[in-house]
Amino acid sequence: LAASVNMPGAASVQIQDVIVSQFRTRSTLNVAEFKINIPNLRVNYTGGLLNASGFGASYAAFGEVQVGVNLQGDNVEITPIDGTSYQIMLPQPYITSCSLTPLIEWDRSTSIAADWDAAEDAAYITAMRELVRKAVDDGYIEDAEYQAELALNDILRDITYTVTQQAIDFNYVFTEAEQVVIDDSCEPPEHLKWTYCENEPGGVWHDSKVGEDVCAAS
């Protein structure tokens, strides 16, 4: 009977809104960056007898993603078209870094012993995933292509005109990749107290157990 009533605890995280607060470019590094605010991340954990108890807290997250183009020689191909124009093949922009400021927490509530560290980890990782999702889904990768063209034109046209006394045109082509490359700084840390199960409706966090697939068991 005890085994049947002490069901595994589970937590959910709800996002009310994601606001892009700033988007600017840094042409000197050929990198674009944008900042987002997530004003309300709510973590609710249910557990205890019949999952009738729980705890929760709200968080605000502020983060930044940088998007850039890898200009190493092996990734760039330059093809002359005629005497005054060239085609430059470049790799697709990728996410070069992700960062979050420390989360702001408020509105704690609890009816059981609470693991606030695990709750904050869940909120932090959810916010980090939103950073990456916004970069990929909202067109910031494509914006980085345009900004890369502007930055390279500023450099190359000045150099080539100084050398040749001719106006040289450059046509930029970006290769398409099946998936956007994402820097390791955007990945969640290992050995978390909770495991995220994206196959469950809305995505649910479960208590991590060594040697057990908690997502399959839930």
C-alpha atoms as a PDB file:
ATOM      1  CA  LEU A   1       0.000   0.000   0.000  1.00  0.00           C
ATOM      2  CA  ALA A   2       2.821   2.407   0.904  1.00  0.00           C
ATOM      3  CA  ALA A   3       4.442   1.889  -2.495  1.00  0.00           C
ATOM      4  CA  SER A   4       1.195   2.705  -4.259  1.00  0.00           C
ATOM      5  CA  VAL A   5       0.536   5.993  -2.450  1.00  0.00           C
ATOM      6  CA  ASN A   6       4.103   7.344  -2.401  1.00  0.00           C
ATOM      7  CA  MET A   7       4.251   8.152  -6.101  1.00  0.00           C
ATOM      8  CA  PRO A   8       7.327   9.812  -7.672  1.00  0.00           C
ATOM      9  CA  GLY A   9       7.344  13.580  -7.297  1.00  0.00           C
ATOM     10  CA  ALA A  10       7.255  15.787 -10.381  1.00  0.00           C
ATOM     11  CA  ALA A  11       7.752  19.479 -11.122  1.00  0.00           C
ATOM     12  CA  SER A  12       6.604  21.684 -13.990  1.00  0.00           C
ATOM     13  CA  VAL A  13       7.872  25.080 -15.167  1.00  0.00           C
ATOM     14  CA  GLN A  14       5.527  27.590 -16.818  1.00  0.00           C
ATOM     15  CA  ILE A  15       6.722  30.577 -18.852  1.00  0.00           C
ATOM     16  CA  GLN A  16       4.374  33.561 -18.998  1.00  0.00           C
ATOM     17  CA  ASP A  17       6.314  35.746 -21.400  1.00  0.00           C
ATOM     18  CA  VAL A  18       9.663  36.167 -23.160  1.00  0.00           C
ATOM     19  CA  ILE A  19      10.671  39.709 -24.103  1.00  0.00           C
ATOM     20  CA  VAL A  20      13.597  40.563 -26.373  1.00  0.00           C
ATOM     21  CA  SER A  21      14.936  43.724 -24.762  1.00  0.00           C
ATOM     22  CA  GLN A  22      17.889  44.452 -27.022  1.00  0.00           C
ATOM     23  CA  PHE A  23      19.470  43.376 -30.305  1.00  0.00           C
ATOM     24  CA  ARG A  24      22.724  44.919 -31.467  1.00  0.00           C
ATOM     25  CA  THR A  25      25.674  43.974 -33.618  1.00  0.00           C
ATOM     26  CA  ARG A  26      29.412  44.046 -33.097  1.00  0.00           C
ATOM     27  CA  SER A  27      30.906  44.292 -36.584  1.00  0.00           C
ATOM     28  CA  THR A  28      34.505  44.315 -35.348  1.00  0.00           C
ATOM     29  CA  LEU A  29      34.110  40.691 -34.255  1.00  0.00           C
ATOM     30  CA  ASN A  30      31.549  39.878 -36.924  1.00  0.00           C
ATOM     31  CA  VAL A  31      29.171  38.851 -34.146  1.00  0.00           C
ATOM     32  CA  ALA A  32      25.578  39.791 -33.365  1.00  0.00           C
ATOM     33  CA  GLU A  33      24.124  39.613 -29.889  1.00  0.00           C
ATOM     34  CA  PHE A  34      20.695  39.917 -28.350  1.00  0.00           C
ATOM     35  CA  LYS A  35      19.385  40.080 -24.833  1.00  0.00           C
ATOM     36  CA  ILE A  36      16.132  38.707 -23.468  1.00  0.00           C
ATOM     37  CA  ASN A  37      14.085  39.095 -20.331  1.00  0.00           C
ATOM     38  CA  ILE A  38      11.922  36.306 -18.941  1.00  0.00           C
ATOM     39  CA  PRO A  39       9.986  38.128 -16.238  1.00  0.00           C
ATOM     40  CA  ASN A  40       8.152  35.162 -14.754  1.00  0.00           C
ATOM     41  CA  LEU A  41       9.357  31.558 -14.623  1.00  0.00           C
ATOM     42  CA  ARG A  42       7.230  29.568 -12.189  1.00  0.00           C
ATOM     43  CA  VAL A  43       8.543  26.263 -10.833  1.00  0.00           C
ATOM     44  CA  ASN A  44       5.937  24.066  -9.121  1.00  0.00           C
ATOM     45  CA  TYR A  45       6.905  20.742  -7.571  1.00  0.00           C
ATOM     46  CA  THR A  46       4.297  18.190  -6.470  1.00  0.00           C
ATOM     47  CA  GLY A  47       5.135  15.226  -4.258  1.00  0.00           C
ATOM     48  CA  GLY A  48       4.496  13.622  -0.922  1.00  0.00           C
ATOM     49  CA  LEU A  49       1.517  11.416  -0.121  1.00  0.00           C
ATOM     50  CA  LEU A  50      -0.630  11.024  -3.274  1.00  0.00           C
ATOM     51  CA  ASN A  51       1.328  13.938  -4.740  1.00  0.00           C
ATOM     52  CA  ALA A  52      -0.951  16.201  -2.710  1.00  0.00           C
ATOM     53  CA  SER A  53       1.827  18.422  -1.371  1.00  0.00           C
ATOM     54  CA  GLY A  54       4.547  20.460  -2.961  1.00  0.00           C
ATOM     55  CA  PHE A  55       6.521  23.663  -3.196  1.00  0.00           C
ATOM     56  CA  GLY A  56       7.078  26.391  -5.722  1.00  0.00           C
ATOM     57  CA  ALA A  57       8.839  29.644  -6.506  1.00  0.00           C
ATOM     58  CA  SER A  58       8.909  32.296  -9.212  1.00  0.00           C
ATOM     59  CA  TYR A  59      12.026  33.534 -10.990  1.00  0.00           C
ATOM     60  CA  ALA A  60      13.025  36.302 -13.367  1.00  0.00           C
ATOM     61  CA  ALA A  61      15.811  35.644 -15.863  1.00  0.00           C
ATOM     62  CA  PHE A  62      17.952  38.009 -17.919  1.00  0.00           C
ATOM     63  CA  GLY A  63      20.236  36.564 -20.562  1.00  0.00           C
ATOM     64  CA  GLU A  64      22.335  37.176 -23.646  1.00  0.00           C
ATOM     65  CA  VAL A  65      23.133  35.126 -26.732  1.00  0.00           C
ATOM     66  CA  GLN A  66      25.904  35.893 -29.208  1.00  0.00           C
ATOM     67  CA  VAL A  67      25.747  34.731 -32.818  1.00  0.00           C
ATOM     68  CA  GLY A  68      28.756  34.740 -35.109  1.00  0.00           C
ATOM     69  CA  VAL A  69      30.361  33.412 -38.264  1.00  0.00           C
ATOM     70  CA  ASN A  70      33.450  31.212 -38.223  1.00  0.00           C
ATOM     71  CA  LEU A  71      35.958  32.934 -40.517  1.00  0.00           C
ATOM     72  CA  GLN A  72      38.761  30.403 -40.224  1.00  0.00           C
ATOM     73  CA  GLY A  73      40.383  29.663 -43.562  1.00  0.00           C
ATOM     74  CA  ASP A  74      39.059  26.126 -43.954  1.00  0.00           C
ATOM     75  CA  ASN A  75      35.474  27.403 -43.638  1.00  0.00           C
ATOM     76  CA  VAL A  76      35.706  30.188 -46.223  1.00  0.00           C
ATOM     77  CA  GLU A  77      35.872  29.722 -49.997  1.00  0.00           C
ATOM     78  CA  ILE A  78      36.550  32.669 -52.327  1.00  0.00           C
ATOM     79  CA  THR A  79      35.766  32.331 -56.040  1.00  0.00           C
ATOM     80  CA  PRO A  80      36.520  35.070 -58.620  1.00  0.00           C
ATOM     81  CA  ILE A  81      33.576  35.836 -60.895  1.00  0.00           C
ATOM     82  CA  ASP A  82      35.294  38.438 -63.056  1.00  0.00           C
ATOM     83  CA  GLY A  83      37.909  41.135 -62.621  1.00  0.00           C
ATOM     84  CA  THR A  84      35.805  43.219 -60.236  1.00  0.00           C
ATOM     85  CA  SER A  85      33.621  40.737 -58.374  1.00  0.00           C
ATOM     86  CA  TYR A  86      34.076  37.713 -56.121  1.00  0.00           C
ATOM     87  CA  GLN A  87      31.836  35.175 -54.485  1.00  0.00           C
ATOM     88  CA  ILE A  88      32.589  34.348 -50.854  1.00  0.00           C
ATOM     89  CA  MET A  89      31.171  31.123 -49.429  1.00  0.00           C
ATOM     90  CA  LEU A  90      30.744  31.243 -45.649  1.00  0.00           C
ATOM     91  CA  PRO A  91      29.441  28.785 -43.072  1.00  0.00           C
ATOM     92  CA  GLN A  92      26.052  29.362 -41.488  1.00  0.00           C
ATOM     93  CA  PRO A  93      26.222  31.601 -38.413  1.00  0.00           C
ATOM     94  CA  TYR A  94      26.204  29.751 -35.124  1.00  0.00           C
ATOM     95  CA  ILE A  95      25.537  30.480 -31.474  1.00  0.00           C
ATOM     96  CA  THR A  96      28.922  31.388 -30.046  1.00  0.00           C
ATOM     97  CA  SER A  97      27.912  31.862 -26.401  1.00  0.00           C
ATOM     98  CA  CYS A  98      25.011  31.993 -23.957  1.00  0.00           C
ATOM     99  CA  SER A  99      24.922  33.628 -20.561  1.00  0.00           C
ATOM    100  CA  LEU A 100      22.404  34.313 -17.804  1.00  0.00           C
ATOM    101  CA  THR A 101      22.695  36.670 -14.873  1.00  0.00           C
ATOM    102  CA  PRO A 102      21.826  35.162 -11.470  1.00  0.00           C
ATOM    103  CA  LEU A 103      18.096  34.505 -11.303  1.00  0.00           C
ATOM    104  CA  ILE A 104      15.856  36.738  -9.217  1.00  0.00           C
ATOM    105  CA  GLU A 105      13.559  34.659  -6.991  1.00  0.00           C
ATOM    106  CA  TRP A 106      10.310  35.551  -5.232  1.00  0.00           C
ATOM    107  CA  ASP A 107       6.952  34.138  -4.117  1.00  0.00           C
ATOM    108  CA  ARG A 108       8.083  30.944  -2.437  1.00  0.00           C
ATOM    109  CA  SER A 109       5.411  28.560  -1.182  1.00  0.00           C
ATOM    110  CA  THR A 110       5.771  25.104   0.351  1.00  0.00           C
ATOM    111  CA  SER A 111       3.856  22.389   2.148  1.00  0.00           C
ATOM    112  CA  ILE A 112       6.694  19.831   2.188  1.00  0.00           C
ATOM    113  CA  ALA A 113      10.461  19.879   2.603  1.00  0.00           C
ATOM    114  CA  ALA A 114      11.667  21.906  -0.383  1.00  0.00           C
ATOM    115  CA  ASP A 115      14.777  21.553  -2.521  1.00  0.00           C
ATOM    116  CA  TRP A 116      15.244  25.143  -3.625  1.00  0.00           C
ATOM    117  CA  ASP A 117      18.552  24.421  -5.355  1.00  0.00           C
ATOM    118  CA  ALA A 118      16.874  21.900  -7.650  1.00  0.00           C
ATOM    119  CA  ALA A 119      14.032  24.328  -8.358  1.00  0.00           C
ATOM    120  CA  GLU A 120      16.472  27.085  -9.275  1.00  0.00           C
ATOM    121  CA  ASP A 121      18.404  24.684 -11.530  1.00  0.00           C
ATOM    122  CA  ALA A 122      15.180  23.829 -13.361  1.00  0.00           C
ATOM    123  CA  ALA A 123      14.346  27.513 -13.835  1.00  0.00           C
ATOM    124  CA  TYR A 124      17.901  28.316 -14.976  1.00  0.00           C
ATOM    125  CA  ILE A 125      18.019  25.543 -17.567  1.00  0.00           C
ATOM    126  CA  THR A 126      14.539  26.381 -18.845  1.00  0.00           C
ATOM    127  CA  ALA A 127      15.635  30.000 -19.328  1.00  0.00           C
ATOM    128  CA  MET A 128      18.813  28.896 -21.117  1.00  0.00           C
ATOM    129  CA  ARG A 129      16.780  26.730 -23.490  1.00  0.00           C
ATOM    130  CA  GLU A 130      14.564  29.718 -24.225  1.00  0.00           C
ATOM    131  CA  LEU A 131      17.643  31.760 -25.124  1.00  0.00           C
ATOM    132  CA  VAL A 132      18.653  29.193 -27.720  1.00  0.00           C
ATOM    133  CA  ARG A 133      15.100  28.717 -29.008  1.00  0.00           C
ATOM    134  CA  LYS A 134      14.634  32.457 -29.548  1.00  0.00           C
ATOM    135  CA  ALA A 135      17.929  32.704 -31.421  1.00  0.00           C
ATOM    136  CA  VAL A 136      17.044  29.841 -33.752  1.00  0.00           C
ATOM    137  CA  ASP A 137      13.290  30.342 -34.205  1.00  0.00           C
ATOM    138  CA  ASP A 138      13.013  34.132 -34.317  1.00  0.00           C
ATOM    139  CA  GLY A 139      15.376  34.848 -37.193  1.00  0.00           C
ATOM    140  CA  TYR A 140      18.487  36.000 -35.358  1.00  0.00           C
ATOM    141  CA  ILE A 141      20.661  33.531 -37.273  1.00  0.00           C
ATOM    142  CA  GLU A 142      19.487  35.105 -40.529  1.00  0.00           C
ATOM    143  CA  ASP A 143      20.040  38.591 -39.110  1.00  0.00           C
ATOM    144  CA  ALA A 144      23.615  37.597 -38.313  1.00  0.00           C
ATOM    145  CA  GLU A 145      24.163  36.706 -41.982  1.00  0.00           C
ATOM    146  CA  TYR A 146      23.169  40.213 -43.024  1.00  0.00           C
ATOM    147  CA  GLN A 147      25.347  41.808 -40.355  1.00  0.00           C
ATOM    148  CA  ALA A 148      28.273  39.612 -41.413  1.00  0.00           C
ATOM    149  CA  GLU A 149      27.921  40.887 -44.975  1.00  0.00           C
ATOM    150  CA  LEU A 150      27.966  44.498 -43.790  1.00  0.00           C
ATOM    151  CA  ALA A 151      30.999  43.942 -41.586  1.00  0.00           C
ATOM    152  CA  LEU A 152      32.990  42.107 -44.253  1.00  0.00           C
ATOM    153  CA  ASN A 153      32.106  44.647 -46.932  1.00  0.00           C
ATOM    154  CA  ASP A 154      33.390  47.481 -44.760  1.00  0.00           C
ATOM    155  CA  ILE A 155      36.725  45.717 -44.387  1.00  0.00           C
ATOM    156  CA  LEU A 156      37.225  44.113 -47.795  1.00  0.00           C
ATOM    157  CA  ARG A 157      36.124  46.998 -49.987  1.00  0.00           C
ATOM    158  CA  ASP A 158      38.446  49.431 -48.217  1.00  0.00           C
ATOM    159  CA  ILE A 159      41.387  47.039 -48.481  1.00  0.00           C
ATOM    160  CA  THR A 160      40.832  46.067 -52.115  1.00  0.00           C
ATOM    161  CA  TYR A 161      40.302  49.657 -53.250  1.00  0.00           C
ATOM    162  CA  THR A 162      43.488  50.753 -51.507  1.00  0.00           C
ATOM    163  CA  VAL A 163      45.432  48.027 -53.322  1.00  0.00           C
ATOM    164  CA  THR A 164      43.753  48.034 -56.760  1.00  0.00           C
ATOM    165  CA  GLN A 165      42.175  51.500 -56.981  1.00  0.00           C
ATOM    166  CA  GLN A 166      39.063  49.675 -58.202  1.00  0.00           C
ATOM    167  CA  ALA A 167      35.683  49.092 -56.631  1.00  0.00           C
ATOM    168  CA  ILE A 168      35.378  45.357 -55.999  1.00  0.00           C
ATOM    169  CA  ASP A 169      31.989  43.727 -55.401  1.00  0.00           C
ATOM    170  CA  PHE A 170      31.546  40.748 -53.098  1.00  0.00           C
ATOM    171  CA  ASN A 171      28.647  38.327 -53.220  1.00  0.00           C
ATOM    172  CA  TYR A 172      28.181  36.345 -50.012  1.00  0.00           C
ATOM    173  CA  VAL A 173      26.662  32.870 -49.921  1.00  0.00           C
ATOM    174  CA  PHE A 174      26.038  31.101 -46.615  1.00  0.00           C
ATOM    175  CA  THR A 175      25.965  27.328 -46.568  1.00  0.00           C
ATOM    176  CA  GLU A 176      22.914  25.760 -44.974  1.00  0.00           C
ATOM    177  CA  ALA A 177      23.251  23.293 -42.128  1.00  0.00           C
ATOM    178  CA  GLU A 178      20.645  20.841 -40.897  1.00  0.00           C
ATOM    179  CA  GLN A 179      21.108  22.124 -37.368  1.00  0.00           C
ATOM    180  CA  VAL A 180      22.483  25.333 -35.950  1.00  0.00           C
ATOM    181  CA  VAL A 181      25.793  24.800 -34.162  1.00  0.00           C
ATOM    182  CA  ILE A 182      25.444  25.735 -30.483  1.00  0.00           C
ATOM    183  CA  ASP A 183      28.317  26.522 -28.145  1.00  0.00           C
ATOM    184  CA  ASP A 184      28.879  24.369 -25.062  1.00  0.00           C
ATOM    185  CA  SER A 185      28.116  27.365 -22.833  1.00  0.00           C
ATOM    186  CA  CYS A 186      24.459  26.911 -23.815  1.00  0.00           C
ATOM    187  CA  GLU A 187      24.320  23.310 -22.602  1.00  0.00           C
ATOM    188  CA  PRO A 188      22.908  22.393 -19.157  1.00  0.00           C
ATOM    189  CA  PRO A 189      25.309  21.120 -16.502  1.00  0.00           C
ATOM    190  CA  GLU A 190      25.502  17.425 -15.728  1.00  0.00           C
ATOM    191  CA  HIS A 191      24.472  15.598 -12.560  1.00  0.00           C
ATOM    192  CA  LEU A 192      21.346  17.615 -11.824  1.00  0.00           C
ATOM    193  CA  LYS A 193      19.025  16.654  -8.993  1.00  0.00           C
ATOM    194  CA  TRP A 194      16.106  16.669 -11.431  1.00  0.00           C
ATOM    195  CA  THR A 195      15.855  15.220 -14.941  1.00  0.00           C
ATOM    196  CA  TYR A 196      13.857  16.978 -17.669  1.00  0.00           C
ATOM    197  CA  CYS A 197      11.420  14.694 -19.534  1.00  0.00           C
ATOM    198  CA  GLU A 198      10.409  16.485 -22.719  1.00  0.00           C
ATOM    199  CA  ASN A 199       8.245  13.567 -23.888  1.00  0.00           C
ATOM    200  CA  GLU A 200       5.638  14.366 -21.228  1.00  0.00           C
ATOM    201  CA  PRO A 201       2.955  16.991 -21.994  1.00  0.00           C
ATOM    202  CA  GLY A 202       4.392  20.442 -21.395  1.00  0.00           C
ATOM    203  CA  GLY A 203       7.718  18.968 -20.274  1.00  0.00           C
ATOM    204  CA  VAL A 204       8.145  17.752 -16.689  1.00  0.00           C
ATOM    205  CA  TRP A 205      11.095  17.498 -14.303  1.00  0.00           C
ATOM    206  CA  HIS A 206      11.444  14.323 -12.217  1.00  0.00           C
ATOM    207  CA  ASP A 207      13.701  13.409  -9.330  1.00  0.00           C
ATOM    208  CA  SER A 208      16.927  12.037 -10.810  1.00  0.00           C
ATOM    209  CA  LYS A 209      17.868   8.522  -9.770  1.00  0.00           C
ATOM    210  CA  VAL A 210      21.249   6.999 -10.538  1.00  0.00           C
ATOM    211  CA  GLY A 211      20.984   4.103 -12.978  1.00  0.00           C
ATOM    212  CA  GLU A 212      17.297   4.664 -13.734  1.00  0.00           C
ATOM    213  CA  ASP A 213      15.618   6.261 -16.744  1.00  0.00           C
ATOM    214  CA  VAL A 214      13.123   8.398 -14.850  1.00  0.00           C
ATOM    215  CA  CYS A 215      11.520   9.644 -18.053  1.00  0.00           C
ATOM    216  CA  ALA A 216      10.711   6.142 -19.275  1.00  0.00           C
ATOM    217  CA  ALA A 217       9.520   5.100 -15.831  1.00  0.00           C
ATOM    218  CA  SER A 218       7.218   8.071 -15.363  1.00  0.00           C
END
